[in-house]
PDB file of N, CA and C in Angstrom:
ATOM      1  N   UNK A   1      20.550 -70.189  -7.511  1.00  0.00           N
ATOM      2  CA  UNK A   1      21.980 -70.196  -7.697  1.00  0.00           C
ATOM      3  C   UNK A   1      22.654 -69.728  -6.415  1.00  0.00           C
ATOM      4  N   UNK A   2      23.733 -70.369  -6.083  1.00  0.00           N
ATOM      5  CA  UNK A   2      24.493 -69.969  -4.911  1.00  0.00           C
ATOM      6  C   UNK A   2      25.162 -68.624  -5.181  1.00  0.00           C
ATOM      7  N   UNK A   3      25.215 -67.793  -4.132  1.00  0.00           N
ATOM      8  CA  UNK A   3      25.870 -66.503  -4.293  1.00  0.00           C
ATOM      9  C   UNK A   3      27.348 -66.661  -4.612  1.00  0.00           C
ATOM     10  N   UNK A   4      27.983 -67.746  -4.135  1.00  0.00           N
ATOM     11  CA  UNK A   4      29.404 -67.939  -4.436  1.00  0.00           C
ATOM     12  C   UNK A   4      29.609 -68.145  -5.941  1.00  0.00           C
ATOM     13  N   UNK A   5      28.720 -68.863  -6.594  1.00  0.00           N
ATOM     14  CA  UNK A   5      28.808 -69.034  -8.044  1.00  0.00           C
ATOM     15  C   UNK A   5      28.648 -67.699  -8.750  1.00  0.00           C
ATOM     16  N   UNK A   6      27.678 -66.933  -8.316  1.00  0.00           N
ATOM     17  CA  UNK A   6      27.422 -65.617  -8.911  1.00  0.00           C
ATOM     18  C   UNK A   6      28.624 -64.705  -8.696  1.00  0.00           C
ATOM     19  N   UNK A   7      29.140 -64.678  -7.482  1.00  0.00           N
ATOM     20  CA  UNK A   7      30.284 -63.820  -7.187  1.00  0.00           C
ATOM     21  C   UNK A   7      31.520 -64.252  -7.966  1.00  0.00           C
ATOM     22  N   UNK A   8      31.731 -65.547  -8.127  1.00  0.00           N
ATOM     23  CA  UNK A   8      32.852 -66.014  -8.942  1.00  0.00           C
ATOM     24  C   UNK A   8      32.715 -65.513 -10.373  1.00  0.00           C
ATOM     25  N   UNK A   9      31.526 -65.570 -10.920  1.00  0.00           N
ATOM     26  CA  UNK A   9      31.303 -65.098 -12.288  1.00  0.00           C
ATOM     27  C   UNK A   9      31.568 -63.587 -12.364  1.00  0.00           C
ATOM     28  N   UNK A  10      31.067 -62.857 -11.381  1.00  0.00           N
ATOM     29  CA  UNK A  10      31.250 -61.407 -11.382  1.00  0.00           C
ATOM     30  C   UNK A  10      32.730 -61.045 -11.322  1.00  0.00           C
ATOM     31  N   UNK A  11      33.439 -61.608 -10.344  1.00  0.00           N
ATOM     32  CA  UNK A  11      34.833 -61.220 -10.139  1.00  0.00           C
ATOM     33  C   UNK A  11      35.802 -61.856 -11.130  1.00  0.00           C
ATOM     34  N   UNK A  12      35.475 -63.022 -11.676  1.00  0.00           N
ATOM     35  CA  UNK A  12      36.406 -63.708 -12.570  1.00  0.00           C
ATOM     36  C   UNK A  12      36.091 -63.536 -14.054  1.00  0.00           C
ATOM     37  N   UNK A  13      34.899 -63.021 -14.374  1.00  0.00           N
ATOM     38  CA  UNK A  13      34.532 -62.824 -15.773  1.00  0.00           C
ATOM     39  C   UNK A  13      34.152 -61.382 -16.095  1.00  0.00           C
ATOM     40  N   UNK A  14      33.371 -60.775 -15.226  1.00  0.00           N
ATOM     41  CA  UNK A  14      32.785 -59.473 -15.558  1.00  0.00           C
ATOM     42  C   UNK A  14      33.703 -58.310 -15.217  1.00  0.00           C
ATOM     43  N   UNK A  15      34.223 -58.292 -13.999  1.00  0.00           N
ATOM     44  CA  UNK A  15      35.048 -57.150 -13.600  1.00  0.00           C
ATOM     45  C   UNK A  15      36.504 -57.536 -13.345  1.00  0.00           C
ATOM     46  N   UNK A  16      36.923 -58.654 -13.879  1.00  0.00           N
ATOM     47  CA  UNK A  16      38.315 -59.081 -13.734  1.00  0.00           C
ATOM     48  C   UNK A  16      39.230 -58.018 -14.368  1.00  0.00           C
ATOM     49  N   UNK A  17      40.304 -57.709 -13.709  1.00  0.00           N
ATOM     50  CA  UNK A  17      41.290 -56.727 -14.192  1.00  0.00           C
ATOM     51  C   UNK A  17      40.748 -55.301 -14.286  1.00  0.00           C
ATOM     52  N   UNK A  18      39.668 -54.989 -13.604  1.00  0.00           N
ATOM     53  CA  UNK A  18      39.148 -53.623 -13.598  1.00  0.00           C
ATOM     54  C   UNK A  18      39.761 -52.868 -12.421  1.00  0.00           C
ATOM     55  N   UNK A  19      40.259 -51.673 -12.696  1.00  0.00           N
ATOM     56  CA  UNK A  19      40.952 -50.901 -11.663  1.00  0.00           C
ATOM     57  C   UNK A  19      40.125 -49.759 -11.089  1.00  0.00           C
ATOM     58  N   UNK A  20      39.084 -49.352 -11.778  1.00  0.00           N
ATOM     59  CA  UNK A  20      38.266 -48.265 -11.252  1.00  0.00           C
ATOM     60  C   UNK A  20      36.807 -48.474 -11.668  1.00  0.00           C
ATOM     61  N   UNK A  21      35.957 -47.573 -11.224  1.00  0.00           N
ATOM     62  CA  UNK A  21      34.517 -47.686 -11.480  1.00  0.00           C
ATOM     63  C   UNK A  21      34.187 -47.637 -12.970  1.00  0.00           C
ATOM     64  N   UNK A  22      34.891 -46.803 -13.707  1.00  0.00           N
ATOM     65  CA  UNK A  22      34.630 -46.701 -15.150  1.00  0.00           C
ATOM     66  C   UNK A  22      34.912 -48.025 -15.850  1.00  0.00           C
ATOM     67  N   UNK A  23      36.006 -48.674 -15.488  1.00  0.00           N
ATOM     68  CA  UNK A  23      36.325 -49.969 -16.094  1.00  0.00           C
ATOM     69  C   UNK A  23      35.314 -51.032 -15.679  1.00  0.00           C
ATOM     70  N   UNK A  24      34.849 -50.987 -14.433  1.00  0.00           N
ATOM     71  CA  UNK A  24      33.808 -51.928 -13.993  1.00  0.00           C
ATOM     72  C   UNK A  24      32.534 -51.707 -14.783  1.00  0.00           C
ATOM     73  N   UNK A  25      32.165 -50.449 -14.985  1.00  0.00           N
ATOM     74  CA  UNK A  25      30.965 -50.138 -15.767  1.00  0.00           C
ATOM     75  C   UNK A  25      31.070 -50.711 -17.172  1.00  0.00           C
ATOM     76  N   UNK A  26      32.237 -50.560 -17.788  1.00  0.00           N
ATOM     77  CA  UNK A  26      32.425 -51.095 -19.133  1.00  0.00           C
ATOM     78  C   UNK A  26      32.344 -52.625 -19.118  1.00  0.00           C
ATOM     79  N   UNK A  27      32.933 -53.258 -18.095  1.00  0.00           N
ATOM     80  CA  UNK A  27      32.854 -54.710 -17.977  1.00  0.00           C
ATOM     81  C   UNK A  27      31.411 -55.180 -17.877  1.00  0.00           C
ATOM     82  N   UNK A  28      30.625 -54.492 -17.069  1.00  0.00           N
ATOM     83  CA  UNK A  28      29.215 -54.844 -16.927  1.00  0.00           C
ATOM     84  C   UNK A  28      28.456 -54.629 -18.232  1.00  0.00           C
ATOM     85  N   UNK A  29      28.714 -53.503 -18.886  1.00  0.00           N
ATOM     86  CA  UNK A  29      28.010 -53.223 -20.133  1.00  0.00           C
ATOM     87  C   UNK A  29      28.256 -54.341 -21.147  1.00  0.00           C
ATOM     88  N   UNK A  30      29.511 -54.706 -21.334  1.00  0.00           N
ATOM     89  CA  UNK A  30      29.821 -55.724 -22.337  1.00  0.00           C
ATOM     90  C   UNK A  30      29.323 -57.106 -21.926  1.00  0.00           C
ATOM     91  N   UNK A  31      29.350 -57.396 -20.631  1.00  0.00           N
ATOM     92  CA  UNK A  31      28.792 -58.670 -20.169  1.00  0.00           C
ATOM     93  C   UNK A  31      27.300 -58.741 -20.479  1.00  0.00           C
ATOM     94  N   UNK A  32      26.577 -57.682 -20.146  1.00  0.00           N
ATOM     95  CA  UNK A  32      25.133 -57.671 -20.396  1.00  0.00           C
ATOM     96  C   UNK A  32      24.841 -57.701 -21.899  1.00  0.00           C
ATOM     97  N   UNK A  33      25.587 -56.939 -22.671  1.00  0.00           N
ATOM     98  CA  UNK A  33      25.385 -56.905 -24.111  1.00  0.00           C
ATOM     99  C   UNK A  33      25.594 -58.295 -24.730  1.00  0.00           C
ATOM    100  N   UNK A  34      26.591 -59.014 -24.252  1.00  0.00           N
ATOM    101  CA  UNK A  34      26.900 -60.339 -24.799  1.00  0.00           C
ATOM    102  C   UNK A  34      25.937 -61.424 -24.319  1.00  0.00           C
ATOM    103  N   UNK A  35      25.303 -61.231 -23.175  1.00  0.00           N
ATOM    104  CA  UNK A  35      24.509 -62.303 -22.580  1.00  0.00           C
ATOM    105  C   UNK A  35      23.001 -62.088 -22.634  1.00  0.00           C
ATOM    106  N   UNK A  36      22.569 -60.930 -23.095  1.00  0.00           N
ATOM    107  CA  UNK A  36      21.133 -60.674 -23.187  1.00  0.00           C
ATOM    108  C   UNK A  36      20.687 -60.837 -24.635  1.00  0.00           C
ATOM    109  N   UNK A  37      19.653 -61.636 -24.825  1.00  0.00           N
ATOM    110  CA  UNK A  37      19.090 -61.861 -26.154  1.00  0.00           C
ATOM    111  C   UNK A  37      17.856 -60.960 -26.300  1.00  0.00           C
ATOM    112  N   UNK A  38      17.912 -60.053 -27.245  1.00  0.00           N
ATOM    113  CA  UNK A  38      16.825 -59.106 -27.496  1.00  0.00           C
ATOM    114  C   UNK A  38      16.086 -59.510 -28.756  1.00  0.00           C
ATOM    115  N   UNK A  39      14.832 -59.131 -28.890  1.00  0.00           N
ATOM    116  CA  UNK A  39      13.964 -58.507 -27.890  1.00  0.00           C
ATOM    117  C   UNK A  39      13.411 -59.557 -26.926  1.00  0.00           C
ATOM    118  N   UNK A  40      12.920 -59.055 -25.789  1.00  0.00           N
ATOM    119  CA  UNK A  40      12.188 -59.902 -24.860  1.00  0.00           C
ATOM    120  C   UNK A  40      11.113 -59.070 -24.191  1.00  0.00           C
ATOM    121  N   UNK A  41      10.239 -59.737 -23.479  1.00  0.00           N
ATOM    122  CA  UNK A  41       9.104 -59.058 -22.844  1.00  0.00           C
ATOM    123  C   UNK A  41       9.358 -58.878 -21.357  1.00  0.00           C
ATOM    124  N   UNK A  42       8.803 -57.810 -20.832  1.00  0.00           N
ATOM    125  CA  UNK A  42       8.872 -57.526 -19.396  1.00  0.00           C
ATOM    126  C   UNK A  42       7.743 -56.552 -19.076  1.00  0.00           C
ATOM    127  N   UNK A  43       7.677 -56.185 -17.836  1.00  0.00           N
ATOM    128  CA  UNK A  43       6.737 -55.151 -17.403  1.00  0.00           C
ATOM    129  C   UNK A  43       7.518 -54.043 -16.714  1.00  0.00           C
ATOM    130  N   UNK A  44       6.968 -52.839 -16.790  1.00  0.00           N
ATOM    131  CA  UNK A  44       7.521 -51.695 -16.068  1.00  0.00           C
ATOM    132  C   UNK A  44       6.363 -50.941 -15.438  1.00  0.00           C
ATOM    133  N   UNK A  45       6.658 -50.225 -14.369  1.00  0.00           N
ATOM    134  CA  UNK A  45       5.670 -49.351 -13.763  1.00  0.00           C
ATOM    135  C   UNK A  45       5.697 -48.022 -14.495  1.00  0.00           C
ATOM    136  N   UNK A  46       4.585 -47.648 -15.069  1.00  0.00           N
ATOM    137  CA  UNK A  46       4.470 -46.361 -15.743  1.00  0.00           C
ATOM    138  C   UNK A  46       3.671 -45.418 -14.864  1.00  0.00           C
ATOM    139  N   UNK A  47       4.108 -44.191 -14.822  1.00  0.00           N
ATOM    140  CA  UNK A  47       3.435 -43.188 -14.000  1.00  0.00           C
ATOM    141  C   UNK A  47       2.432 -42.429 -14.862  1.00  0.00           C
ATOM    142  N   UNK A  48       1.176 -42.427 -14.419  1.00  0.00           N
ATOM    143  CA  UNK A  48       0.134 -41.702 -15.130  1.00  0.00           C
ATOM    144  C   UNK A  48       0.200 -40.225 -14.750  1.00  0.00           C
ATOM    145  N   UNK A  49      -0.475 -39.417 -15.489  1.00  0.00           N
ATOM    146  CA  UNK A  49      -0.461 -37.968 -15.222  1.00  0.00           C
ATOM    147  C   UNK A  49      -0.978 -37.620 -13.831  1.00  0.00           C
ATOM    148  N   UNK A  50      -1.899 -38.435 -13.316  1.00  0.00           N
ATOM    149  CA  UNK A  50      -2.446 -38.152 -11.984  1.00  0.00           C
ATOM    150  C   UNK A  50      -1.533 -38.661 -10.864  1.00  0.00           C
ATOM    151  N   UNK A  51      -0.378 -39.237 -11.244  1.00  0.00           N
ATOM    152  CA  UNK A  51       0.599 -39.686 -10.258  1.00  0.00           C
ATOM    153  C   UNK A  51       0.519 -41.159  -9.895  1.00  0.00           C
ATOM    154  N   UNK A  52      -0.541 -41.831 -10.287  1.00  0.00           N
ATOM    155  CA  UNK A  52      -0.637 -43.257  -9.983  1.00  0.00           C
ATOM    156  C   UNK A  52       0.268 -44.044 -10.929  1.00  0.00           C
ATOM    157  N   UNK A  53       0.669 -45.214 -10.470  1.00  0.00           N
ATOM    158  CA  UNK A  53       1.525 -46.077 -11.280  1.00  0.00           C
ATOM    159  C   UNK A  53       0.746 -47.309 -11.704  1.00  0.00           C
ATOM    160  N   UNK A  54       0.995 -47.729 -12.947  1.00  0.00           N
ATOM    161  CA  UNK A  54       0.381 -48.955 -13.453  1.00  0.00           C
ATOM    162  C   UNK A  54       1.462 -49.798 -14.116  1.00  0.00           C
ATOM    163  N   UNK A  55       1.336 -51.120 -13.974  1.00  0.00           N
ATOM    164  CA  UNK A  55       2.263 -52.025 -14.656  1.00  0.00           C
ATOM    165  C   UNK A  55       1.809 -52.182 -16.094  1.00  0.00           C
ATOM    166  N   UNK A  56       2.771 -52.066 -16.998  1.00  0.00           N
ATOM    167  CA  UNK A  56       2.465 -52.236 -18.409  1.00  0.00           C
ATOM    168  C   UNK A  56       3.486 -53.178 -19.038  1.00  0.00           C
ATOM    169  N   UNK A  57       3.001 -54.031 -19.910  1.00  0.00           N
ATOM    170  CA  UNK A  57       3.889 -54.920 -20.658  1.00  0.00           C
ATOM    171  C   UNK A  57       4.623 -54.106 -21.715  1.00  0.00           C
ATOM    172  N   UNK A  58       5.912 -54.373 -21.856  1.00  0.00           N
ATOM    173  CA  UNK A  58       6.734 -53.685 -22.842  1.00  0.00           C
ATOM    174  C   UNK A  58       7.599 -54.707 -23.576  1.00  0.00           C
ATOM    175  N   UNK A  59       8.072 -54.318 -24.730  1.00  0.00           N
ATOM    176  CA  UNK A  59       9.085 -55.080 -25.447  1.00  0.00           C
ATOM    177  C   UNK A  59      10.425 -54.429 -25.126  1.00  0.00           C
ATOM    178  N   UNK A  60      11.359 -55.225 -24.633  1.00  0.00           N
ATOM    179  CA  UNK A  60      12.693 -54.714 -24.324  1.00  0.00           C
ATOM    180  C   UNK A  60      13.534 -54.894 -25.576  1.00  0.00           C
ATOM    181  N   UNK A  61      14.070 -53.778 -26.099  1.00  0.00           N
ATOM    182  CA  UNK A  61      14.704 -53.780 -27.407  1.00  0.00           C
ATOM    183  C   UNK A  61      16.224 -53.895 -27.384  1.00  0.00           C
ATOM    184  N   UNK A  62      16.870 -53.166 -26.475  1.00  0.00           N
ATOM    185  CA  UNK A  62      18.336 -53.171 -26.455  1.00  0.00           C
ATOM    186  C   UNK A  62      18.856 -52.389 -25.260  1.00  0.00           C
ATOM    187  N   UNK A  63      20.150 -52.600 -24.984  1.00  0.00           N
ATOM    188  CA  UNK A  63      20.828 -51.769 -24.001  1.00  0.00           C
ATOM    189  C   UNK A  63      21.024 -50.386 -24.600  1.00  0.00           C
ATOM    190  N   UNK A  64      20.979 -49.390 -23.754  1.00  0.00           N
ATOM    191  CA  UNK A  64      21.277 -48.048 -24.207  1.00  0.00           C
ATOM    192  C   UNK A  64      22.785 -47.848 -24.166  1.00  0.00           C
ATOM    193  N   UNK A  65      23.223 -46.684 -24.444  1.00  0.00           N
ATOM    194  CA  UNK A  65      24.646 -46.359 -24.501  1.00  0.00           C
ATOM    195  C   UNK A  65      25.385 -46.813 -23.259  1.00  0.00           C
ATOM    196  N   UNK A  66      26.641 -47.186 -23.447  1.00  0.00           N
ATOM    197  CA  UNK A  66      27.482 -47.617 -22.339  1.00  0.00           C
ATOM    198  C   UNK A  66      28.160 -46.442 -21.648  1.00  0.00           C
ATOM    199  N   UNK A  67      27.873 -45.243 -22.071  1.00  0.00           N
ATOM    200  CA  UNK A  67      28.553 -44.083 -21.513  1.00  0.00           C
ATOM    201  C   UNK A  67      27.749 -43.442 -20.386  1.00  0.00           C
ATOM    202  N   UNK A  68      28.443 -43.112 -19.329  1.00  0.00           N
ATOM    203  CA  UNK A  68      27.911 -42.248 -18.302  1.00  0.00           C
ATOM    204  C   UNK A  68      26.847 -42.814 -17.384  1.00  0.00           C
ATOM    205  N   UNK A  69      26.742 -44.117 -17.203  1.00  0.00           N
ATOM    206  CA  UNK A  69      25.721 -44.596 -16.287  1.00  0.00           C
ATOM    207  C   UNK A  69      26.267 -44.632 -14.869  1.00  0.00           C
ATOM    208  N   UNK A  70      25.378 -44.467 -13.926  1.00  0.00           N
ATOM    209  CA  UNK A  70      25.746 -44.490 -12.513  1.00  0.00           C
ATOM    210  C   UNK A  70      24.731 -45.355 -11.787  1.00  0.00           C
ATOM    211  N   UNK A  71      25.171 -46.477 -11.271  1.00  0.00           N
ATOM    212  CA  UNK A  71      24.356 -47.399 -10.482  1.00  0.00           C
ATOM    213  C   UNK A  71      23.359 -48.230 -11.282  1.00  0.00           C
ATOM    214  N   UNK A  72      22.970 -47.822 -12.459  1.00  0.00           N
ATOM    215  CA  UNK A  72      22.097 -48.658 -13.281  1.00  0.00           C
ATOM    216  C   UNK A  72      22.256 -48.291 -14.743  1.00  0.00           C
ATOM    217  N   UNK A  73      22.148 -49.295 -15.569  1.00  0.00           N
ATOM    218  CA  UNK A  73      22.179 -49.099 -17.013  1.00  0.00           C
ATOM    219  C   UNK A  73      20.764 -48.872 -17.512  1.00  0.00           C
ATOM    220  N   UNK A  74      20.661 -48.094 -18.558  1.00  0.00           N
ATOM    221  CA  UNK A  74      19.356 -47.880 -19.170  1.00  0.00           C
ATOM    222  C   UNK A  74      19.154 -48.892 -20.283  1.00  0.00           C
ATOM    223  N   UNK A  75      17.901 -49.265 -20.441  1.00  0.00           N
ATOM    224  CA  UNK A  75      17.526 -50.231 -21.448  1.00  0.00           C
ATOM    225  C   UNK A  75      16.370 -49.634 -22.241  1.00  0.00           C
ATOM    226  N   UNK A  76      16.378 -49.855 -23.542  1.00  0.00           N
ATOM    227  CA  UNK A  76      15.363 -49.285 -24.415  1.00  0.00           C
ATOM    228  C   UNK A  76      14.159 -50.214 -24.485  1.00  0.00           C
ATOM    229  N   UNK A  77      12.973 -49.635 -24.241  1.00  0.00           N
ATOM    230  CA  UNK A  77      11.738 -50.423 -24.294  1.00  0.00           C
ATOM    231  C   UNK A  77      10.736 -49.756 -25.233  1.00  0.00           C
ATOM    232  N   UNK A  78       9.800 -50.569 -25.710  1.00  0.00           N
ATOM    233  CA  UNK A  78       8.752 -50.072 -26.589  1.00  0.00           C
ATOM    234  C   UNK A  78       7.400 -50.337 -25.937  1.00  0.00           C
ATOM    235  N   UNK A  79       6.573 -49.300 -25.861  1.00  0.00           N
ATOM    236  CA  UNK A  79       5.216 -49.409 -25.342  1.00  0.00           C
ATOM    237  C   UNK A  79       4.318 -48.572 -26.243  1.00  0.00           C
ATOM    238  N   UNK A  80       3.299 -49.195 -26.806  1.00  0.00           N
ATOM    239  CA  UNK A  80       2.365 -48.492 -27.706  1.00  0.00           C
ATOM    240  C   UNK A  80       3.099 -47.715 -28.795  1.00  0.00           C
ATOM    241  N   UNK A  81       4.083 -48.314 -29.397  1.00  0.00           N
ATOM    242  CA  UNK A  81       4.883 -47.731 -30.470  1.00  0.00           C
ATOM    243  C   UNK A  81       5.771 -46.576 -30.024  1.00  0.00           C
ATOM    244  N   UNK A  82       5.790 -46.262 -28.734  1.00  0.00           N
ATOM    245  CA  UNK A  82       6.705 -45.256 -28.201  1.00  0.00           C
ATOM    246  C   UNK A  82       7.928 -45.976 -27.646  1.00  0.00           C
ATOM    247  N   UNK A  83       9.091 -45.433 -27.905  1.00  0.00           N
ATOM    248  CA  UNK A  83      10.336 -46.018 -27.421  1.00  0.00           C
ATOM    249  C   UNK A  83      10.940 -45.068 -26.402  1.00  0.00           C
ATOM    250  N   UNK A  84      11.277 -45.628 -25.235  1.00  0.00           N
ATOM    251  CA  UNK A  84      11.895 -44.819 -24.190  1.00  0.00           C
ATOM    252  C   UNK A  84      12.839 -45.679 -23.375  1.00  0.00           C
ATOM    253  N   UNK A  85      13.640 -45.028 -22.548  1.00  0.00           N
ATOM    254  CA  UNK A  85      14.639 -45.716 -21.741  1.00  0.00           C
ATOM    255  C   UNK A  85      14.174 -45.853 -20.304  1.00  0.00           C
ATOM    256  N   UNK A  86      14.455 -47.018 -19.729  1.00  0.00           N
ATOM    257  CA  UNK A  86      14.184 -47.262 -18.311  1.00  0.00           C
ATOM    258  C   UNK A  86      15.402 -47.966 -17.721  1.00  0.00           C
ATOM    259  N   UNK A  87      15.635 -47.808 -16.422  1.00  0.00           N
ATOM    260  CA  UNK A  87      16.728 -48.548 -15.794  1.00  0.00           C
ATOM    261  C   UNK A  87      16.442 -50.047 -15.799  1.00  0.00           C
ATOM    262  N   UNK A  88      17.470 -50.853 -16.004  1.00  0.00           N
ATOM    263  CA  UNK A  88      17.304 -52.310 -16.002  1.00  0.00           C
ATOM    264  C   UNK A  88      16.667 -52.775 -14.700  1.00  0.00           C
ATOM    265  N   UNK A  89      17.037 -52.154 -13.592  1.00  0.00           N
ATOM    266  CA  UNK A  89      16.534 -52.592 -12.292  1.00  0.00           C
ATOM    267  C   UNK A  89      15.027 -52.424 -12.143  1.00  0.00           C
ATOM    268  N   UNK A  90      14.399 -51.663 -13.030  1.00  0.00           N
ATOM    269  CA  UNK A  90      12.955 -51.453 -12.926  1.00  0.00           C
ATOM    270  C   UNK A  90      12.144 -52.497 -13.691  1.00  0.00           C
ATOM    271  N   UNK A  91      12.820 -53.369 -14.447  1.00  0.00           N
ATOM    272  CA  UNK A  91      12.090 -54.395 -15.190  1.00  0.00           C
ATOM    273  C   UNK A  91      11.459 -55.399 -14.231  1.00  0.00           C
ATOM    274  N   UNK A  92      10.211 -55.764 -14.518  1.00  0.00           N
ATOM    275  CA  UNK A  92       9.463 -56.720 -13.703  1.00  0.00           C
ATOM    276  C   UNK A  92       8.979 -57.863 -14.587  1.00  0.00           C
ATOM    277  N   UNK A  93       8.713 -59.007 -13.981  1.00  0.00           N
ATOM    278  CA  UNK A  93       8.106 -60.145 -14.683  1.00  0.00           C
ATOM    279  C   UNK A  93       8.733 -60.383 -16.060  1.00  0.00           C
ATOM    280  N   UNK A  94      10.013 -60.574 -16.052  1.00  0.00           N
ATOM    281  CA  UNK A  94      10.779 -60.720 -17.288  1.00  0.00           C
ATOM    282  C   UNK A  94      10.499 -62.072 -17.937  1.00  0.00           C
ATOM    283  N   UNK A  95      10.200 -62.028 -19.229  1.00  0.00           N
ATOM    284  CA  UNK A  95      10.000 -63.236 -20.028  1.00  0.00           C
ATOM    285  C   UNK A  95      11.106 -63.281 -21.074  1.00  0.00           C
ATOM    286  N   UNK A  96      12.171 -64.004 -20.730  1.00  0.00           N
ATOM    287  CA  UNK A  96      13.334 -64.068 -21.609  1.00  0.00           C
ATOM    288  C   UNK A  96      14.008 -65.419 -21.442  1.00  0.00           C
ATOM    289  N   UNK A  97      15.030 -65.659 -22.252  1.00  0.00           N
ATOM    290  CA  UNK A  97      15.749 -66.919 -22.116  1.00  0.00           C
ATOM    291  C   UNK A  97      16.556 -66.936 -20.813  1.00  0.00           C
ATOM    292  N   UNK A  98      17.022 -68.112 -20.453  1.00  0.00           N
ATOM    293  CA  UNK A  98      17.708 -68.305 -19.166  1.00  0.00           C
ATOM    294  C   UNK A  98      18.960 -67.448 -19.037  1.00  0.00           C
ATOM    295  N   UNK A  99      19.720 -67.321 -20.101  1.00  0.00           N
ATOM    296  CA  UNK A  99      20.959 -66.545 -20.061  1.00  0.00           C
ATOM    297  C   UNK A  99      20.676 -65.060 -19.827  1.00  0.00           C
ATOM    298  N   UNK A 100      19.631 -64.545 -20.442  1.00  0.00           N
ATOM    299  CA  UNK A 100      19.239 -63.144 -20.252  1.00  0.00           C
ATOM    300  C   UNK A 100      18.818 -62.904 -18.813  1.00  0.00           C
ATOM    301  N   UNK A 101      17.992 -63.784 -18.286  1.00  0.00           N
ATOM    302  CA  UNK A 101      17.529 -63.636 -16.904  1.00  0.00           C
ATOM    303  C   UNK A 101      18.700 -63.736 -15.936  1.00  0.00           C
ATOM    304  N   UNK A 102      19.617 -64.665 -16.176  1.00  0.00           N
ATOM    305  CA  UNK A 102      20.787 -64.797 -15.306  1.00  0.00           C
ATOM    306  C   UNK A 102      21.630 -63.523 -15.328  1.00  0.00           C
ATOM    307  N   UNK A 103      21.831 -62.929 -16.498  1.00  0.00           N
ATOM    308  CA  UNK A 103      22.614 -61.699 -16.603  1.00  0.00           C
ATOM    309  C   UNK A 103      21.941 -60.561 -15.830  1.00  0.00           C
ATOM    310  N   UNK A 104      20.628 -60.443 -15.965  1.00  0.00           N
ATOM    311  CA  UNK A 104      19.900 -59.392 -15.241  1.00  0.00           C
ATOM    312  C   UNK A 104      19.968 -59.646 -13.740  1.00  0.00           C
ATOM    313  N   UNK A 105      19.837 -60.890 -13.319  1.00  0.00           N
ATOM    314  CA  UNK A 105      19.939 -61.219 -11.893  1.00  0.00           C
ATOM    315  C   UNK A 105      21.347 -60.956 -11.362  1.00  0.00           C
ATOM    316  N   UNK A 106      22.370 -61.204 -12.162  1.00  0.00           N
ATOM    317  CA  UNK A 106      23.739 -60.855 -11.756  1.00  0.00           C
ATOM    318  C   UNK A 106      23.845 -59.356 -11.517  1.00  0.00           C
ATOM    319  N   UNK A 107      23.292 -58.569 -12.429  1.00  0.00           N
ATOM    320  CA  UNK A 107      23.317 -57.110 -12.312  1.00  0.00           C
ATOM    321  C   UNK A 107      22.559 -56.656 -11.060  1.00  0.00           C
ATOM    322  N   UNK A 108      21.404 -57.253 -10.811  1.00  0.00           N
ATOM    323  CA  UNK A 108      20.628 -56.911  -9.608  1.00  0.00           C
ATOM    324  C   UNK A 108      21.399 -57.266  -8.335  1.00  0.00           C
ATOM    325  N   UNK A 109      22.030 -58.413  -8.336  1.00  0.00           N
ATOM    326  CA  UNK A 109      22.817 -58.841  -7.181  1.00  0.00           C
ATOM    327  C   UNK A 109      23.939 -57.844  -6.912  1.00  0.00           C
ATOM    328  N   UNK A 110      24.683 -57.479  -7.946  1.00  0.00           N
ATOM    329  CA  UNK A 110      25.780 -56.529  -7.826  1.00  0.00           C
ATOM    330  C   UNK A 110      25.273 -55.197  -7.270  1.00  0.00           C
ATOM    331  N   UNK A 111      24.184 -54.719  -7.807  1.00  0.00           N
ATOM    332  CA  UNK A 111      23.643 -53.429  -7.358  1.00  0.00           C
ATOM    333  C   UNK A 111      23.131 -53.479  -5.929  1.00  0.00           C
ATOM    334  N   UNK A 112      22.523 -54.587  -5.538  1.00  0.00           N
ATOM    335  CA  UNK A 112      22.005 -54.682  -4.172  1.00  0.00           C
ATOM    336  C   UNK A 112      23.140 -54.789  -3.157  1.00  0.00           C
ATOM    337  N   UNK A 113      24.249 -55.330  -3.595  1.00  0.00           N
ATOM    338  CA  UNK A 113      25.363 -55.537  -2.684  1.00  0.00           C
ATOM    339  C   UNK A 113      26.273 -54.327  -2.593  1.00  0.00           C
ATOM    340  N   UNK A 114      26.453 -53.610  -3.678  1.00  0.00           N
ATOM    341  CA  UNK A 114      27.467 -52.559  -3.724  1.00  0.00           C
ATOM    342  C   UNK A 114      26.945 -51.137  -3.883  1.00  0.00           C
ATOM    343  N   UNK A 115      25.643 -50.968  -4.093  1.00  0.00           N
ATOM    344  CA  UNK A 115      25.135 -49.591  -4.240  1.00  0.00           C
ATOM    345  C   UNK A 115      24.005 -49.325  -3.282  1.00  0.00           C
TER     346      UNK A 115
END
C-alpha cells in the first residue's frame, strides 16, 4: 500500500478533528476496535526465567482498555490458558483477516513515524 493512501486514511478517518493527544488516542482506539476481527492468531516473544526469549503462538482476544495508553495500545492474548496483555506492536506473524492486518499496519506506521 502506498504511504499516501495510509496517511489519507489516518488523517481523514482516524484522527480527523482531533485537537490533542488524548483525542488522537481515542480515535485510534475506536478505529482499531471497529476494524479488528477477534480472535486471531499471532506470535509474541515470551521471556523465560533465565532471560532468554522464545516465540510462542497466542490467541489474540481483544483490545484492552482505551484509557491511559502511551505510544502503544495493549491487547489481550491467551497462552496456555493464561491471559495477559501485550503491546500491539509486539505481535509477530499475524494470522488474521485483511482488515485486521491493515489496521495493525496503520498503527505500526503511525508509531514508527510519530513516536
